[in-house]
C-alpha atoms as a PDB file:
ATOM      1  CA  UNK A   1       0.000   0.000   0.000  1.00  0.00           C
ATOM      2  CA  UNK A   2       2.801   2.390   0.954  1.00  0.00           C
ATOM      3  CA  UNK A   3       4.625   1.427  -2.245  1.00  0.00           C
ATOM      4  CA  UNK A   4       1.518   2.209  -4.334  1.00  0.00           C
ATOM      5  CA  UNK A   5       1.041   5.551  -2.565  1.00  0.00           C
ATOM      6  CA  UNK A   6       4.663   6.478  -3.252  1.00  0.00           C
ATOM      7  CA  UNK A   7       4.173   5.742  -6.943  1.00  0.00           C
ATOM      8  CA  UNK A   8       1.051   7.939  -7.064  1.00  0.00           C
ATOM      9  CA  UNK A   9       2.813  10.848  -5.335  1.00  0.00           C
ATOM     10  CA  UNK A  10       5.821  10.525  -7.643  1.00  0.00           C
ATOM     11  CA  UNK A  11       3.553  10.539 -10.693  1.00  0.00           C
ATOM     12  CA  UNK A  12       1.713  13.622  -9.496  1.00  0.00           C
ATOM     13  CA  UNK A  13       4.966  15.497  -8.997  1.00  0.00           C
ATOM     14  CA  UNK A  14       6.442  14.303 -12.272  1.00  0.00           C
ATOM     15  CA  UNK A  15       3.429  15.050 -14.425  1.00  0.00           C
ATOM     16  CA  UNK A  16       2.168  18.207 -12.706  1.00  0.00           C
ATOM     17  CA  UNK A  17       1.798  20.610 -15.667  1.00  0.00           C
ATOM     18  CA  UNK A  18       3.417  23.481 -13.738  1.00  0.00           C
ATOM     19  CA  UNK A  19       6.490  21.409 -12.882  1.00  0.00           C
ATOM     20  CA  UNK A  20       6.695  20.048 -16.409  1.00  0.00           C
ATOM     21  CA  UNK A  21       6.519  23.481 -18.014  1.00  0.00           C
ATOM     22  CA  UNK A  22       7.988  25.720 -15.321  1.00  0.00           C
ATOM     23  CA  UNK A  23      10.473  28.082 -16.923  1.00  0.00           C
ATOM     24  CA  UNK A  24      11.802  31.496 -15.934  1.00  0.00           C
ATOM     25  CA  UNK A  25      10.278  34.312 -17.968  1.00  0.00           C
ATOM     26  CA  UNK A  26      12.110  37.621 -18.264  1.00  0.00           C
ATOM     27  CA  UNK A  27      10.570  41.067 -18.611  1.00  0.00           C
ATOM     28  CA  UNK A  28      11.947  44.560 -19.210  1.00  0.00           C
ATOM     29  CA  UNK A  29       9.749  47.567 -18.424  1.00  0.00           C
ATOM     30  CA  UNK A  30       9.898  51.268 -17.559  1.00  0.00           C
ATOM     31  CA  UNK A  31       9.537  52.519 -13.998  1.00  0.00           C
ATOM     32  CA  UNK A  32       5.818  53.150 -14.424  1.00  0.00           C
ATOM     33  CA  UNK A  33       5.291  49.363 -14.284  1.00  0.00           C
ATOM     34  CA  UNK A  34       7.216  48.778 -11.039  1.00  0.00           C
ATOM     35  CA  UNK A  35       4.268  49.032  -8.641  1.00  0.00           C
ATOM     36  CA  UNK A  36       2.011  46.836 -10.773  1.00  0.00           C
ATOM     37  CA  UNK A  37       4.704  44.191 -11.335  1.00  0.00           C
ATOM     38  CA  UNK A  38       5.380  44.016  -7.598  1.00  0.00           C
ATOM     39  CA  UNK A  39       1.701  43.185  -7.117  1.00  0.00           C
ATOM     40  CA  UNK A  40       1.250  40.844 -10.085  1.00  0.00           C
ATOM     41  CA  UNK A  41       4.418  38.754 -10.027  1.00  0.00           C
ATOM     42  CA  UNK A  42       3.597  36.618  -6.956  1.00  0.00           C
ATOM     43  CA  UNK A  43       0.123  35.787  -8.279  1.00  0.00           C
ATOM     44  CA  UNK A  44       1.388  34.908 -11.758  1.00  0.00           C
ATOM     45  CA  UNK A  45       4.140  32.708 -10.314  1.00  0.00           C
ATOM     46  CA  UNK A  46       1.687  30.951  -8.005  1.00  0.00           C
ATOM     47  CA  UNK A  47      -0.821  30.268 -10.776  1.00  0.00           C
ATOM     48  CA  UNK A  48       1.581  29.183 -13.510  1.00  0.00           C
ATOM     49  CA  UNK A  49       4.718  27.974 -11.750  1.00  0.00           C
ATOM     50  CA  UNK A  50       6.832  30.214 -13.996  1.00  0.00           C
ATOM     51  CA  UNK A  51       9.248  32.453 -12.030  1.00  0.00           C
ATOM     52  CA  UNK A  52       9.466  36.045 -13.305  1.00  0.00           C
ATOM     53  CA  UNK A  53      12.709  37.991 -13.574  1.00  0.00           C
ATOM     54  CA  UNK A  54      11.815  41.655 -14.133  1.00  0.00           C
ATOM     55  CA  UNK A  55      14.218  44.425 -15.115  1.00  0.00           C
ATOM     56  CA  UNK A  56      12.645  47.792 -14.308  1.00  0.00           C
ATOM     57  CA  UNK A  57      14.399  51.023 -15.273  1.00  0.00           C
ATOM     58  CA  UNK A  58      14.064  54.471 -16.807  1.00  0.00           C
ATOM     59  CA  UNK A  59      11.712  54.533 -19.788  1.00  0.00           C
ATOM     60  CA  UNK A  60      14.277  55.754 -22.288  1.00  0.00           C
ATOM     61  CA  UNK A  61      16.941  53.288 -21.205  1.00  0.00           C
ATOM     62  CA  UNK A  62      14.673  50.234 -21.200  1.00  0.00           C
ATOM     63  CA  UNK A  63      13.287  51.299 -24.587  1.00  0.00           C
ATOM     64  CA  UNK A  64      16.799  51.256 -26.046  1.00  0.00           C
ATOM     65  CA  UNK A  65      17.439  47.819 -24.535  1.00  0.00           C
ATOM     66  CA  UNK A  66      14.524  46.517 -26.577  1.00  0.00           C
ATOM     67  CA  UNK A  67      15.656  48.291 -29.760  1.00  0.00           C
ATOM     68  CA  UNK A  68      19.135  46.781 -29.334  1.00  0.00           C
ATOM     69  CA  UNK A  69      17.607  43.323 -29.110  1.00  0.00           C
ATOM     70  CA  UNK A  70      18.646  42.447 -25.582  1.00  0.00           C
ATOM     71  CA  UNK A  71      17.211  39.021 -24.662  1.00  0.00           C
ATOM     72  CA  UNK A  72      13.976  39.551 -22.741  1.00  0.00           C
ATOM     73  CA  UNK A  73      10.867  37.413 -23.208  1.00  0.00           C
ATOM     74  CA  UNK A  74       8.365  40.245 -22.680  1.00  0.00           C
ATOM     75  CA  UNK A  75       9.337  43.870 -23.373  1.00  0.00           C
ATOM     76  CA  UNK A  76       7.035  46.677 -22.182  1.00  0.00           C
ATOM     77  CA  UNK A  77       7.476  50.060 -23.862  1.00  0.00           C
ATOM     78  CA  UNK A  78       5.885  53.485 -24.031  1.00  0.00           C
ATOM     79  CA  UNK A  79       4.968  55.510 -27.148  1.00  0.00           C
ATOM     80  CA  UNK A  80       6.382  56.350 -29.546  1.00  0.00           C
ATOM     81  CA  UNK A  81       7.645  52.842 -30.285  1.00  0.00           C
ATOM     82  CA  UNK A  82       7.679  52.498 -34.072  1.00  0.00           C
ATOM     83  CA  UNK A  83      11.439  51.969 -33.781  1.00  0.00           C
ATOM     84  CA  UNK A  84      10.750  48.963 -31.548  1.00  0.00           C
ATOM     85  CA  UNK A  85       8.433  47.440 -34.147  1.00  0.00           C
ATOM     86  CA  UNK A  86      10.880  48.217 -36.961  1.00  0.00           C
ATOM     87  CA  UNK A  87      13.788  46.659 -35.066  1.00  0.00           C
ATOM     88  CA  UNK A  88      12.700  43.076 -35.695  1.00  0.00           C
ATOM     89  CA  UNK A  89      13.184  42.345 -31.991  1.00  0.00           C
ATOM     90  CA  UNK A  90       9.500  41.972 -31.116  1.00  0.00           C
ATOM     91  CA  UNK A  91       6.597  40.019 -32.579  1.00  0.00           C
ATOM     92  CA  UNK A  92       4.550  42.926 -33.936  1.00  0.00           C
ATOM     93  CA  UNK A  93       1.298  40.957 -33.966  1.00  0.00           C
ATOM     94  CA  UNK A  94       1.643  40.461 -30.181  1.00  0.00           C
ATOM     95  CA  UNK A  95       1.256  44.215 -29.489  1.00  0.00           C
ATOM     96  CA  UNK A  96      -0.908  44.407 -26.341  1.00  0.00           C
ATOM     97  CA  UNK A  97      -2.045  47.627 -24.583  1.00  0.00           C
ATOM     98  CA  UNK A  98      -1.671  47.053 -20.847  1.00  0.00           C
ATOM     99  CA  UNK A  99      -2.468  50.294 -19.036  1.00  0.00           C
ATOM    100  CA  UNK A 100      -2.121  54.055 -19.024  1.00  0.00           C
ATOM    101  CA  UNK A 101      -0.635  56.193 -16.276  1.00  0.00           C
ATOM    102  CA  UNK A 102      -1.115  59.905 -15.646  1.00  0.00           C
ATOM    103  CA  UNK A 103       1.296  62.569 -14.468  1.00  0.00           C
ATOM    104  CA  UNK A 104       0.251  63.789 -11.014  1.00  0.00           C
ATOM    105  CA  UNK A 105       1.170  66.639  -8.691  1.00  0.00           C
ATOM    106  CA  UNK A 106       2.290  65.619  -5.198  1.00  0.00           C
ATOM    107  CA  UNK A 107       2.518  67.623  -1.952  1.00  0.00           C
ATOM    108  CA  UNK A 108       3.662  66.829   1.578  1.00  0.00           C
ATOM    109  CA  UNK A 109       1.100  64.985   3.662  1.00  0.00           C
ATOM    110  CA  UNK A 110      -1.208  67.360   5.495  1.00  0.00           C
ATOM    111  CA  UNK A 111      -0.534  70.359   3.257  1.00  0.00           C
ATOM    112  CA  UNK A 112      -3.356  72.102   1.429  1.00  0.00           C
ATOM    113  CA  UNK A 113      -3.886  70.835  -2.096  1.00  0.00           C
ATOM    114  CA  UNK A 114      -3.509  73.491  -4.796  1.00  0.00           C
ATOM    115  CA  UNK A 115      -5.899  73.987  -7.702  1.00  0.00           C
ATOM    116  CA  UNK A 116      -4.677  72.097 -10.793  1.00  0.00           C
ATOM    117  CA  UNK A 117      -8.060  71.799 -12.509  1.00  0.00           C
ATOM    118  CA  UNK A 118      -7.169  73.947 -15.528  1.00  0.00           C
ATOM    119  CA  UNK A 119      -4.028  74.727 -17.539  1.00  0.00           C
ATOM    120  CA  UNK A 120      -4.076  78.288 -16.223  1.00  0.00           C
ATOM    121  CA  UNK A 121      -4.266  77.080 -12.629  1.00  0.00           C
ATOM    122  CA  UNK A 122      -1.295  74.760 -13.225  1.00  0.00           C
ATOM    123  CA  UNK A 123       0.684  77.562 -14.856  1.00  0.00           C
ATOM    124  CA  UNK A 124      -0.015  79.862 -11.924  1.00  0.00           C
ATOM    125  CA  UNK A 125       1.061  77.168  -9.446  1.00  0.00           C
ATOM    126  CA  UNK A 126       4.315  76.509 -11.289  1.00  0.00           C
ATOM    127  CA  UNK A 127       5.274  80.147 -11.641  1.00  0.00           C
ATOM    128  CA  UNK A 128       4.545  80.794  -7.950  1.00  0.00           C
ATOM    129  CA  UNK A 129       6.702  77.881  -6.768  1.00  0.00           C
ATOM    130  CA  UNK A 130      10.225  78.446  -5.453  1.00  0.00           C
ATOM    131  CA  UNK A 131      11.398  74.914  -6.307  1.00  0.00           C
ATOM    132  CA  UNK A 132       9.904  71.770  -7.814  1.00  0.00           C
ATOM    133  CA  UNK A 133      11.219  68.378  -8.890  1.00  0.00           C
ATOM    134  CA  UNK A 134      10.337  65.794 -11.499  1.00  0.00           C
ATOM    135  CA  UNK A 135      12.171  62.884 -13.167  1.00  0.00           C
ATOM    136  CA  UNK A 136      14.994  63.664 -15.555  1.00  0.00           C
ATOM    137  CA  UNK A 137      14.028  62.674 -19.082  1.00  0.00           C
ATOM    138  CA  UNK A 138      17.022  64.268 -20.797  1.00  0.00           C
ATOM    139  CA  UNK A 139      19.079  62.532 -23.467  1.00  0.00           C
ATOM    140  CA  UNK A 140      16.414  60.023 -24.489  1.00  0.00           C
ATOM    141  CA  UNK A 141      17.505  57.594 -21.767  1.00  0.00           C
ATOM    142  CA  UNK A 142      15.761  59.112 -18.771  1.00  0.00           C
ATOM    143  CA  UNK A 143      12.331  58.837 -17.216  1.00  0.00           C
ATOM    144  CA  UNK A 144       9.260  59.030 -19.435  1.00  0.00           C
ATOM    145  CA  UNK A 145       7.519  61.120 -16.767  1.00  0.00           C
ATOM    146  CA  UNK A 146      10.233  63.740 -17.207  1.00  0.00           C
ATOM    147  CA  UNK A 147       9.823  63.739 -20.978  1.00  0.00           C
ATOM    148  CA  UNK A 148       6.070  64.125 -20.569  1.00  0.00           C
ATOM    149  CA  UNK A 149       6.318  67.000 -18.090  1.00  0.00           C
ATOM    150  CA  UNK A 150       8.899  68.795 -20.260  1.00  0.00           C
ATOM    151  CA  UNK A 151       6.234  68.759 -22.972  1.00  0.00           C
ATOM    152  CA  UNK A 152       3.683  70.143 -20.499  1.00  0.00           C
ATOM    153  CA  UNK A 153       5.960  73.058 -19.636  1.00  0.00           C
ATOM    154  CA  UNK A 154       6.456  73.735 -23.347  1.00  0.00           C
ATOM    155  CA  UNK A 155       2.699  73.706 -23.944  1.00  0.00           C
ATOM    156  CA  UNK A 156       2.285  76.206 -21.122  1.00  0.00           C
ATOM    157  CA  UNK A 157       5.048  78.349 -22.620  1.00  0.00           C
ATOM    158  CA  UNK A 158       7.139  78.395 -19.424  1.00  0.00           C
ATOM    159  CA  UNK A 159       9.818  75.760 -20.062  1.00  0.00           C
ATOM    160  CA  UNK A 160      12.747  78.198 -19.979  1.00  0.00           C
ATOM    161  CA  UNK A 161      11.235  80.234 -17.151  1.00  0.00           C
ATOM    162  CA  UNK A 162      10.984  77.132 -14.948  1.00  0.00           C
ATOM    163  CA  UNK A 163      14.549  75.874 -15.500  1.00  0.00           C
ATOM    164  CA  UNK A 164      16.064  77.692 -12.484  1.00  0.00           C
ATOM    165  CA  UNK A 165      13.352  76.245 -10.191  1.00  0.00           C
ATOM    166  CA  UNK A 166      13.701  72.602 -11.198  1.00  0.00           C
ATOM    167  CA  UNK A 167      15.676  70.021  -9.268  1.00  0.00           C
ATOM    168  CA  UNK A 168      16.052  67.115 -11.706  1.00  0.00           C
ATOM    169  CA  UNK A 169      16.230  63.731 -10.033  1.00  0.00           C
ATOM    170  CA  UNK A 170      14.947  60.170 -10.440  1.00  0.00           C
ATOM    171  CA  UNK A 171      13.614  57.467  -8.139  1.00  0.00           C
ATOM    172  CA  UNK A 172      12.641  57.681  -4.495  1.00  0.00           C
ATOM    173  CA  UNK A 173      14.997  60.617  -3.956  1.00  0.00           C
ATOM    174  CA  UNK A 174      12.451  62.804  -5.714  1.00  0.00           C
ATOM    175  CA  UNK A 175       9.906  62.244  -2.956  1.00  0.00           C
ATOM    176  CA  UNK A 176      12.595  62.623  -0.294  1.00  0.00           C
ATOM    177  CA  UNK A 177      13.215  66.143  -1.575  1.00  0.00           C
ATOM    178  CA  UNK A 178       9.537  66.837  -0.967  1.00  0.00           C
ATOM    179  CA  UNK A 179       9.289  65.322   2.503  1.00  0.00           C
ATOM    180  CA  UNK A 180      12.527  67.091   3.509  1.00  0.00           C
ATOM    181  CA  UNK A 181      11.043  70.438   2.501  1.00  0.00           C
ATOM    182  CA  UNK A 182      13.589  71.090  -0.273  1.00  0.00           C
ATOM    183  CA  UNK A 183      10.871  71.622  -2.892  1.00  0.00           C
ATOM    184  CA  UNK A 184       7.316  72.944  -2.899  1.00  0.00           C
ATOM    185  CA  UNK A 185       5.863  69.964  -4.773  1.00  0.00           C
ATOM    186  CA  UNK A 186       6.852  67.052  -6.993  1.00  0.00           C
ATOM    187  CA  UNK A 187       5.550  65.809 -10.324  1.00  0.00           C
ATOM    188  CA  UNK A 188       5.719  62.183 -11.507  1.00  0.00           C
ATOM    189  CA  UNK A 189       3.707  59.180 -12.667  1.00  0.00           C
ATOM    190  CA  UNK A 190       0.870  58.201 -10.325  1.00  0.00           C
ATOM    191  CA  UNK A 191       2.257  54.654 -10.164  1.00  0.00           C
ATOM    192  CA  UNK A 192       5.569  55.860  -8.718  1.00  0.00           C
ATOM    193  CA  UNK A 193       4.165  57.687  -5.689  1.00  0.00           C
ATOM    194  CA  UNK A 194       4.852  55.343  -2.783  1.00  0.00           C
ATOM    195  CA  UNK A 195       5.933  57.516   0.169  1.00  0.00           C
ATOM    196  CA  UNK A 196       3.535  57.703   3.158  1.00  0.00           C
ATOM    197  CA  UNK A 197       4.770  61.232   3.814  1.00  0.00           C
ATOM    198  CA  UNK A 198       3.213  62.634   0.644  1.00  0.00           C
ATOM    199  CA  UNK A 199      -0.241  63.022  -0.892  1.00  0.00           C
ATOM    200  CA  UNK A 200      -1.355  63.098  -4.505  1.00  0.00           C
ATOM    201  CA  UNK A 201      -3.204  66.272  -5.484  1.00  0.00           C
ATOM    202  CA  UNK A 202      -4.445  64.734  -8.720  1.00  0.00           C
ATOM    203  CA  UNK A 203      -3.629  64.317 -12.410  1.00  0.00           C
ATOM    204  CA  UNK A 204      -2.762  67.214 -14.681  1.00  0.00           C
ATOM    205  CA  UNK A 205      -5.455  68.313 -17.161  1.00  0.00           C
ATOM    206  CA  UNK A 206      -5.441  66.148 -20.289  1.00  0.00           C
ATOM    207  CA  UNK A 207      -5.158  69.213 -22.512  1.00  0.00           C
ATOM    208  CA  UNK A 208      -1.584  69.717 -21.295  1.00  0.00           C
ATOM    209  CA  UNK A 209      -0.646  66.171 -20.216  1.00  0.00           C
ATOM    210  CA  UNK A 210      -1.720  63.042 -22.094  1.00  0.00           C
ATOM    211  CA  UNK A 211      -1.591  59.850 -19.981  1.00  0.00           C
ATOM    212  CA  UNK A 212       1.284  57.598 -21.003  1.00  0.00           C
ATOM    213  CA  UNK A 213       0.494  54.178 -22.429  1.00  0.00           C
ATOM    214  CA  UNK A 214       2.312  50.974 -21.498  1.00  0.00           C
ATOM    215  CA  UNK A 215       2.342  48.374 -24.265  1.00  0.00           C
ATOM    216  CA  UNK A 216       3.651  44.825 -24.102  1.00  0.00           C
ATOM    217  CA  UNK A 217       5.093  42.520 -26.767  1.00  0.00           C
ATOM    218  CA  UNK A 218       6.500  39.040 -27.066  1.00  0.00           C
ATOM    219  CA  UNK A 219      10.187  39.206 -27.932  1.00  0.00           C
ATOM    220  CA  UNK A 220      11.264  37.764 -31.245  1.00  0.00           C
ATOM    221  CA  UNK A 221      14.203  36.274 -29.339  1.00  0.00           C
ATOM    222  CA  UNK A 222      12.207  34.572 -26.574  1.00  0.00           C
ATOM    223  CA  UNK A 223      13.512  31.096 -25.748  1.00  0.00           C
ATOM    224  CA  UNK A 224      10.009  30.126 -24.640  1.00  0.00           C
ATOM    225  CA  UNK A 225       7.353  31.972 -26.676  1.00  0.00           C
ATOM    226  CA  UNK A 226       4.522  30.085 -24.959  1.00  0.00           C
ATOM    227  CA  UNK A 227       5.737  31.174 -21.519  1.00  0.00           C
ATOM    228  CA  UNK A 228       6.127  34.737 -22.784  1.00  0.00           C
ATOM    229  CA  UNK A 229       2.593  34.562 -24.179  1.00  0.00           C
ATOM    230  CA  UNK A 230       1.309  33.386 -20.794  1.00  0.00           C
ATOM    231  CA  UNK A 231       2.897  36.358 -19.013  1.00  0.00           C
ATOM    232  CA  UNK A 232       1.718  38.891 -21.584  1.00  0.00           C
ATOM    233  CA  UNK A 233      -1.797  37.463 -21.374  1.00  0.00           C
ATOM    234  CA  UNK A 234      -1.722  37.778 -17.597  1.00  0.00           C
ATOM    235  CA  UNK A 235      -0.534  41.405 -17.840  1.00  0.00           C
ATOM    236  CA  UNK A 236      -3.750  42.256 -19.682  1.00  0.00           C
ATOM    237  CA  UNK A 237      -6.074  40.097 -17.558  1.00  0.00           C
ATOM    238  CA  UNK A 238      -8.780  41.109 -15.042  1.00  0.00           C
ATOM    239  CA  UNK A 239      -6.345  40.223 -12.224  1.00  0.00           C
ATOM    240  CA  UNK A 240      -3.832  42.621 -13.720  1.00  0.00           C
ATOM    241  CA  UNK A 241      -6.497  45.328 -14.010  1.00  0.00           C
ATOM    242  CA  UNK A 242      -6.964  45.184 -10.246  1.00  0.00           C
ATOM    243  CA  UNK A 243      -3.224  45.682  -9.733  1.00  0.00           C
ATOM    244  CA  UNK A 244      -3.087  48.606 -12.170  1.00  0.00           C
ATOM    245  CA  UNK A 245      -5.955  50.369 -10.422  1.00  0.00           C
ATOM    246  CA  UNK A 246      -4.314  49.866  -7.021  1.00  0.00           C
ATOM    247  CA  UNK A 247      -1.229  51.605  -8.429  1.00  0.00           C
ATOM    248  CA  UNK A 248      -3.128  54.636  -9.715  1.00  0.00           C
ATOM    249  CA  UNK A 249      -3.163  53.406 -13.332  1.00  0.00           C
ATOM    250  CA  UNK A 250      -5.977  52.760 -15.783  1.00  0.00           C
ATOM    251  CA  UNK A 251      -6.126  49.290 -17.386  1.00  0.00           C
ATOM    252  CA  UNK A 252      -6.216  49.014 -21.155  1.00  0.00           C
ATOM    253  CA  UNK A 253      -5.606  51.497 -23.907  1.00  0.00           C
END
């Protein structure tokens, strides 16, 4: 009886579909995906048995990694990405909109929230500030949030006027500047606001700040296209939508 039970257990382990197909799947994505990936990875790994190795970095830098053809199973990029599709490094037919993320204004916790409901209100707020900070998008390798907010300042006609007031920085240090009182407010993607010492005022008006899309592909160089397909499918699933919303993002296109 014990011998028979041992055989059954061995067979279950050997032929469990997760064990049989378990394979590491790699992903490269811009910083706007960090919060959502932190939430989704454990659930995906538990459901499929495939461990995820995610490389999260500045939008411009990760974009260039994809264009160069670095070996990731699932690349996530932000527009414009025609160069990605022209590179031959992704399966163009796998193009999958995942979520959009807005640029938001952030203040220290407990401070009054300024009016940012119109372009004129935002312009007034910026010109009245002594110092602000937002991610550095310079050189095409920096943060996409910085590129987006540079465009906002240009639309408002105050890009050059704001230069002396801007402390350019990336990552958690941006929010530390705010909590330390070194700046009046910060600007970044909603999904990257994770400091309990700050509060989000809200998104910028769409007329001066279009939400940034995050789009996934299957790599043309994937060693396991089926595993890559499973991850990309999960990233656009109802479970993923819950994670995106929890991170201040909007699922889908």
